[in-house]
Amino acid sequence: MRYPEFYDRYRDAIKNSWSVEEVDLATDVADLAKLTPGERHLIGRLVAFFATGDSIVSNNLVLTLYKHINSPEARLYLSRQLFEEAVHVQFYLTLLDTYLPDHEERAAAFAAVENIPSIREKARFCFRWMDSVEKIDRLETPADRRRFLLNLICFAACIEGLFFYGAFAYVYWFRSRGLLHGLATGTNWVFRDESCHMDFAFHVVDTVRAEEPELFDEELGAQVTAMLREAVEAELLFAHDLCGDGLAGMNTESMRQYLECVADQRLVRLGLAPVFGSENPFSFLELQNVQELTNFFERRASAYQVAVEGSVGFDDDF
């Protein structure tokens, strides 16, 4: 094998198997009735984003990443990732069915890209970086390779590494208050999957950097930095939509600090200088740095990994 580390990631991913049927949403319905109107609005918007976000990821995975990442070992991992994205979509569709019993409300949420401005803006950001590569059949020139790198970095750092991390923060805010246990359980497993997806994509970037270092010049660095800044602003529009003038313990300004902190982490991972200098304001996210083999509320044992010895831990900083 030329890239055995990609094959190892594929084998590790196989061990991380879970199904939507394992997630118990029974108590979530009762919790929804306890929420304020503002909190229910937040949940509706959040579920709408989840239902559309992973579909965008899956499309890019099939139409762009699999086409141009032609290492057989890496394609094994990408094939597994596509399966995991399908499980995520099933989970989010189940959330829609459970949280939004009204058919018209559910249909509107499912079509969020068309009718919810804050989600439409995030989708536009994604398509702007992705569509330009989709029509390229082969990466023949350095310019083509740069365009692909920007697509891959957008996919890893902005979509999976920022948009979804922002969404997860809202889920864990509810969890810290003892609410929506089922959503938190499923999100734990989605979070672990997405962290692995992001880490794989960054490793592909590292591999390209080692083989073609001339592609990583100041211009590319400036483009990536501008991309992360733009992603933060798009996610802040979403945060303002969700939080309005602010909820108890969650507001747009706190989310700004959190997103800027995460964006700096992504820049540093890519070998670039941080630009925001913000710190994580959400103490409840520290729970994500502990090892856990059962869900947080210990309502039942839910082993996430199959046939794995030893412990499993969150290895990605918020």
Protein backbone atom coordinates (compact mmCIF):
# COMPACT_ATOMS: atom_id res chain seq x y z
CA MET A 1 0.00 0.00 0.00
CA ARG A 2 1.18 3.48 -0.81
CA TYR A 3 -1.03 5.09 1.87
CA PRO A 4 -1.54 2.47 4.60
CA GLU A 5 -2.65 5.12 7.11
CA PHE A 6 -5.83 5.68 5.06
CA TYR A 7 -6.55 1.96 5.19
CA ASP A 8 -6.06 2.01 8.97
CA ARG A 9 -8.61 4.81 9.23
CA TYR A 10 -11.06 2.76 7.19
CA ARG A 11 -10.64 -0.22 9.54
CA ASP A 12 -11.11 2.01 12.58
CA ALA A 13 -14.27 3.48 11.04
CA ILE A 14 -15.73 0.01 10.59
CA LYS A 15 -15.49 -0.48 14.35
CA ASN A 16 -17.51 2.68 14.98
CA SER A 17 -20.93 1.31 14.12
CA TRP A 18 -24.26 2.58 15.40
CA SER A 19 -27.82 2.69 14.15
CA VAL A 20 -30.60 5.23 14.45
CA GLU A 21 -32.79 2.58 16.08
CA GLU A 22 -30.48 2.68 19.12
CA VAL A 23 -31.42 6.33 19.81
CA ASP A 24 -34.37 6.65 22.19
CA LEU A 25 -36.33 9.86 21.51
CA ALA A 26 -39.27 8.96 23.76
CA THR A 27 -38.57 11.56 26.45
CA ASP A 28 -37.64 14.28 23.97
CA VAL A 29 -41.27 14.90 23.05
CA ALA A 30 -42.11 15.67 26.68
CA ASP A 31 -39.06 17.92 26.94
CA LEU A 32 -40.13 19.89 23.88
CA ALA A 33 -43.34 20.86 25.70
CA LYS A 34 -41.23 22.37 28.49
CA LEU A 35 -39.31 24.72 26.20
CA THR A 36 -40.03 28.40 25.77
CA PRO A 37 -41.23 29.63 22.36
CA GLY A 38 -37.73 30.93 21.63
CA GLU A 39 -36.16 27.60 22.49
CA ARG A 40 -38.68 25.73 20.34
CA HIS A 41 -37.83 28.08 17.45
CA LEU A 42 -34.15 27.27 17.97
CA ILE A 43 -34.80 23.53 17.89
CA GLY A 44 -36.92 23.82 14.75
CA ARG A 45 -34.21 25.73 12.91
CA LEU A 46 -31.50 23.40 14.19
CA VAL A 47 -33.27 20.27 13.00
CA ALA A 48 -33.93 21.94 9.65
CA PHE A 49 -30.22 22.61 9.21
CA PHE A 50 -29.28 19.09 10.22
CA ALA A 51 -31.70 17.63 7.68
CA THR A 52 -30.13 19.58 4.82
CA GLY A 53 -26.50 19.94 5.92
CA ASP A 54 -25.47 16.31 5.69
CA SER A 55 -27.10 16.03 2.27
CA ILE A 56 -24.77 18.78 1.03
CA VAL A 57 -21.82 16.92 2.55
CA SER A 58 -22.85 13.66 0.88
CA ASN A 59 -23.22 15.28 -2.53
CA ASN A 60 -19.74 16.78 -2.35
CA LEU A 61 -18.33 13.48 -1.13
CA VAL A 62 -19.71 11.60 -4.13
CA LEU A 63 -19.36 14.21 -6.88
CA THR A 64 -15.98 15.69 -5.97
CA LEU A 65 -13.92 14.07 -3.24
CA TYR A 66 -14.27 10.46 -4.39
CA LYS A 67 -13.55 11.48 -7.98
CA HIS A 68 -10.29 13.28 -7.26
CA ILE A 69 -8.92 11.43 -4.23
CA ASN A 70 -7.97 8.36 -6.23
CA SER A 71 -5.90 6.41 -3.71
CA PRO A 72 -7.64 3.02 -3.31
CA GLU A 73 -7.01 3.09 0.43
CA ALA A 74 -8.51 6.57 0.77
CA ARG A 75 -11.51 5.58 -1.34
CA LEU A 76 -12.20 2.73 1.06
CA TYR A 77 -12.50 5.30 3.82
CA LEU A 78 -14.62 7.65 1.70
CA SER A 79 -17.00 4.78 0.94
CA ARG A 80 -17.40 4.13 4.65
CA GLN A 81 -17.86 7.85 5.27
CA LEU A 82 -20.70 7.97 2.75
CA PHE A 83 -22.46 5.20 4.68
CA GLU A 84 -22.01 7.14 7.90
CA GLU A 85 -23.44 10.28 6.29
CA ALA A 86 -26.47 8.23 5.25
CA VAL A 87 -26.97 7.16 8.88
CA HIS A 88 -26.75 10.81 9.93
CA VAL A 89 -29.38 11.81 7.38
CA GLN A 90 -31.64 9.02 8.65
CA PHE A 91 -31.16 10.28 12.22
CA TYR A 92 -32.02 13.84 11.23
CA LEU A 93 -35.09 12.75 9.26
CA THR A 94 -36.20 10.81 12.32
CA LEU A 95 -35.77 13.99 14.37
CA LEU A 96 -37.95 15.85 11.88
CA ASP A 97 -40.69 13.23 12.16
CA THR A 98 -40.50 13.25 15.96
CA TYR A 99 -40.05 16.96 16.67
CA LEU A 100 -42.28 18.41 13.95
CA PRO A 101 -45.50 16.37 13.78
CA ASP A 102 -47.22 18.96 11.59
CA HIS A 103 -46.78 17.91 7.96
CA GLU A 104 -46.48 21.41 6.50
CA GLU A 105 -44.00 22.52 9.16
CA ARG A 106 -41.95 19.39 8.56
CA ALA A 107 -41.99 19.90 4.78
CA ALA A 108 -40.84 23.52 5.21
CA ALA A 109 -37.96 22.42 7.44
CA PHE A 110 -36.91 19.75 4.95
CA ALA A 111 -36.78 22.44 2.24
CA ALA A 112 -34.81 24.81 4.47
CA VAL A 113 -32.30 25.72 1.75
CA GLU A 114 -35.12 27.29 -0.24
CA ASN A 115 -37.19 28.97 2.46
CA ILE A 116 -35.06 29.73 5.55
CA PRO A 117 -32.71 32.66 4.74
CA SER A 118 -30.06 31.88 7.36
CA ILE A 119 -29.74 28.27 6.15
CA ARG A 120 -29.90 29.36 2.51
CA GLU A 121 -26.91 31.65 3.11
CA LYS A 122 -24.88 28.79 4.57
CA ALA A 123 -25.80 26.64 1.57
CA ARG A 124 -24.72 29.39 -0.81
CA PHE A 125 -21.37 29.55 0.95
CA CYS A 126 -20.94 25.80 0.53
CA PHE A 127 -21.93 25.75 -3.13
CA ARG A 128 -19.65 28.66 -3.96
CA TRP A 129 -16.61 26.65 -2.95
CA MET A 130 -17.85 23.28 -4.18
CA ASP A 131 -19.53 23.85 -7.53
CA SER A 132 -16.39 25.15 -9.25
CA VAL A 133 -14.66 21.79 -8.80
CA GLU A 134 -17.57 19.51 -9.61
CA LYS A 135 -17.23 20.10 -13.38
CA ILE A 136 -13.50 19.29 -13.46
CA ASP A 137 -12.88 15.71 -14.59
CA ARG A 138 -9.15 15.61 -13.92
CA LEU A 139 -6.85 17.83 -11.88
CA GLU A 140 -4.43 18.49 -14.71
CA THR A 141 -2.97 21.86 -13.68
CA PRO A 142 -1.74 23.47 -10.44
CA ALA A 143 -4.75 25.80 -10.67
CA ASP A 144 -7.09 22.80 -10.72
CA ARG A 145 -5.32 21.30 -7.73
CA ARG A 146 -5.66 24.57 -5.81
CA ARG A 147 -9.37 24.69 -6.52
CA PHE A 148 -9.71 21.14 -5.26
CA LEU A 149 -7.71 21.92 -2.12
CA LEU A 150 -10.00 24.86 -1.37
CA ASN A 151 -13.00 22.59 -1.82
CA LEU A 152 -11.52 19.99 0.54
CA ILE A 153 -10.55 22.59 3.13
CA CYS A 154 -14.00 24.16 2.97
CA PHE A 155 -15.52 20.72 3.45
CA ALA A 156 -13.31 19.89 6.45
CA ALA A 157 -12.70 23.21 8.20
CA CYS A 158 -15.88 25.15 7.47
CA ILE A 159 -18.75 22.70 6.99
CA GLU A 160 -17.87 19.74 9.18
CA GLY A 161 -15.41 21.66 11.35
CA LEU A 162 -17.40 24.86 11.97
CA PHE A 163 -21.04 24.70 10.87
CA PHE A 164 -21.66 21.33 12.51
CA TYR A 165 -19.61 22.21 15.57
CA GLY A 166 -21.77 25.29 16.02
CA ALA A 167 -24.90 23.15 15.74
CA PHE A 168 -23.55 20.61 18.23
CA ALA A 169 -23.00 23.41 20.77
CA TYR A 170 -26.74 24.14 20.86
CA VAL A 171 -27.47 20.45 21.45
CA TYR A 172 -25.04 20.25 24.34
CA TRP A 173 -26.45 23.46 25.81
CA PHE A 174 -29.80 21.69 26.09
CA ARG A 175 -28.08 18.59 27.43
CA SER A 176 -26.37 20.61 30.18
CA ARG A 177 -29.87 21.55 31.36
CA GLY A 178 -31.06 17.92 31.41
CA LEU A 179 -33.16 18.26 28.25
CA LEU A 180 -33.47 16.33 24.98
CA HIS A 181 -31.56 13.23 26.04
CA GLY A 182 -32.20 11.38 22.79
CA LEU A 183 -30.94 14.23 20.64
CA ALA A 184 -27.79 14.42 22.77
CA THR A 185 -27.17 10.67 22.51
CA GLY A 186 -27.43 10.64 18.71
CA THR A 187 -25.37 13.81 18.49
CA ASN A 188 -22.59 12.20 20.55
CA TRP A 189 -22.24 9.52 17.89
CA VAL A 190 -22.59 11.93 14.97
CA PHE A 191 -19.96 14.13 16.60
CA ARG A 192 -17.49 11.26 16.80
CA ASP A 193 -18.10 10.39 13.15
CA GLU A 194 -17.73 13.99 12.00
CA SER A 195 -14.51 14.43 13.99
CA CYS A 196 -13.05 11.41 12.18
CA HIS A 197 -14.23 12.74 8.80
CA MET A 198 -12.60 16.08 9.47
CA ASP A 199 -9.38 14.46 10.66
CA PHE A 200 -9.24 12.29 7.52
CA ALA A 201 -9.71 15.32 5.25
CA PHE A 202 -6.98 17.22 7.06
CA HIS A 203 -4.70 14.22 6.66
CA VAL A 204 -5.36 14.29 2.91
CA VAL A 205 -4.34 17.96 2.95
CA ASP A 206 -1.17 17.02 4.83
CA THR A 207 -0.40 14.35 2.21
CA VAL A 208 -0.85 16.81 -0.66
CA ARG A 209 1.34 19.34 1.17
CA ALA A 210 4.12 16.74 1.49
CA GLU A 211 3.91 15.73 -2.19
CA GLU A 212 3.26 19.15 -3.77
CA PRO A 213 4.44 21.82 -1.31
CA GLU A 214 4.48 24.48 -4.02
CA LEU A 215 0.67 24.59 -3.89
CA PHE A 216 0.74 25.91 -0.33
CA ASP A 217 1.84 29.49 -0.89
CA GLU A 218 0.78 32.80 0.64
CA GLU A 219 -2.09 33.16 -1.81
CA LEU A 220 -3.64 29.86 -0.74
CA GLY A 221 -3.17 30.78 2.90
CA ALA A 222 -4.90 34.11 2.37
CA GLN A 223 -7.78 32.38 0.57
CA VAL A 224 -8.24 29.87 3.37
CA THR A 225 -8.17 32.59 6.02
CA ALA A 226 -10.76 34.62 4.10
CA MET A 227 -12.86 31.46 3.72
CA LEU A 228 -12.89 30.85 7.49
CA ARG A 229 -13.81 34.48 8.16
CA GLU A 230 -16.70 34.20 5.71
CA ALA A 231 -17.83 30.91 7.27
CA VAL A 232 -17.91 32.49 10.74
CA GLU A 233 -20.10 35.33 9.46
CA ALA A 234 -22.48 32.91 7.73
CA GLU A 235 -22.79 30.86 10.91
CA LEU A 236 -23.40 34.03 12.93
CA LEU A 237 -26.39 34.86 10.74
CA PHE A 238 -27.71 31.42 11.63
CA ALA A 239 -26.97 32.05 15.33
CA HIS A 240 -28.92 35.31 15.27
CA ASP A 241 -31.83 33.51 13.63
CA LEU A 242 -31.76 30.82 16.32
CA CYS A 243 -31.14 33.00 19.37
CA GLY A 244 -32.86 36.27 18.45
CA ASP A 245 -32.15 38.81 21.17
CA GLY A 246 -30.74 36.07 23.36
CA LEU A 247 -31.82 33.10 25.45
CA ALA A 248 -30.84 32.24 29.00
CA GLY A 249 -27.31 30.87 28.65
CA MET A 250 -27.16 31.15 24.85
CA ASN A 251 -26.82 34.26 22.71
CA THR A 252 -25.24 35.46 19.49
CA GLU A 253 -22.26 37.13 21.15
CA SER A 254 -21.28 33.97 23.04
CA MET A 255 -21.69 31.97 19.85
CA ARG A 256 -19.43 34.45 18.05
CA GLN A 257 -16.67 33.85 20.58
CA TYR A 258 -17.11 30.11 20.29
CA LEU A 259 -17.07 30.11 16.48
CA GLU A 260 -14.01 32.34 16.39
CA CYS A 261 -12.24 30.00 18.81
CA VAL A 262 -13.09 26.98 16.62
CA ALA A 263 -12.06 28.83 13.43
CA ASP A 264 -8.67 29.62 14.95
CA GLN A 265 -8.21 25.93 15.79
CA ARG A 266 -8.90 25.01 12.17
CA LEU A 267 -6.42 27.60 10.89
CA VAL A 268 -3.71 26.37 13.24
CA ARG A 269 -4.37 22.77 12.14
CA LEU A 270 -3.79 23.91 8.56
CA GLY A 271 -0.48 25.55 9.49
CA LEU A 272 -1.85 29.08 9.37
CA ALA A 273 -1.85 31.86 11.95
CA PRO A 274 -4.98 32.31 14.10
CA VAL A 275 -6.83 35.55 13.42
CA PHE A 276 -9.49 35.94 16.12
CA GLY A 277 -7.87 35.21 19.47
CA SER A 278 -11.18 34.29 21.14
CA GLU A 279 -11.64 31.71 23.87
CA ASN A 280 -14.43 29.16 24.23
CA PRO A 281 -17.16 30.76 26.41
CA PHE A 282 -19.19 27.56 26.89
CA SER A 283 -18.08 25.68 29.99
CA PHE A 284 -20.61 22.91 29.30
CA LEU A 285 -18.59 21.84 26.27
CA GLU A 286 -15.80 20.70 28.57
CA LEU A 287 -17.87 17.55 29.01
CA GLN A 288 -16.84 16.61 25.50
CA ASN A 289 -13.22 16.19 26.55
CA VAL A 290 -13.91 13.20 28.81
CA GLN A 291 -13.93 9.56 27.85
CA GLU A 292 -17.33 7.94 27.71
CA LEU A 293 -18.45 4.53 26.52
CA THR A 294 -22.09 5.06 27.52
CA ASN A 295 -24.24 8.07 26.85
CA PHE A 296 -24.01 10.97 29.25
CA PHE A 297 -27.27 10.33 31.04
CA GLU A 298 -26.53 6.65 31.60
CA ARG A 299 -30.10 5.74 30.75
CA ARG A 300 -28.78 2.54 29.23
CA ALA A 301 -25.44 1.16 28.13
CA SER A 302 -24.91 2.11 24.47
CA ALA A 303 -21.50 0.85 23.40
CA TYR A 304 -20.51 2.91 20.40
CA GLN A 305 -17.69 0.75 19.13
CA VAL A 306 -17.98 -2.85 18.04
CA ALA A 307 -15.29 -5.41 18.92
CA VAL A 308 -12.83 -2.86 20.26
CA GLU A 309 -10.73 -3.30 23.33
CA GLY A 310 -9.68 -0.40 25.52
CA SER A 311 -11.25 3.02 25.96
CA VAL A 312 -12.73 5.47 23.55
CA GLY A 313 -12.24 9.19 24.05
CA PHE A 314 -13.02 12.49 22.40
CA ASP A 315 -9.72 13.59 20.91
CA ASP A 316 -10.85 16.78 19.20
CA ASP A 317 -10.87 20.09 21.06
CA PHE A 318 -13.93 22.28 20.86
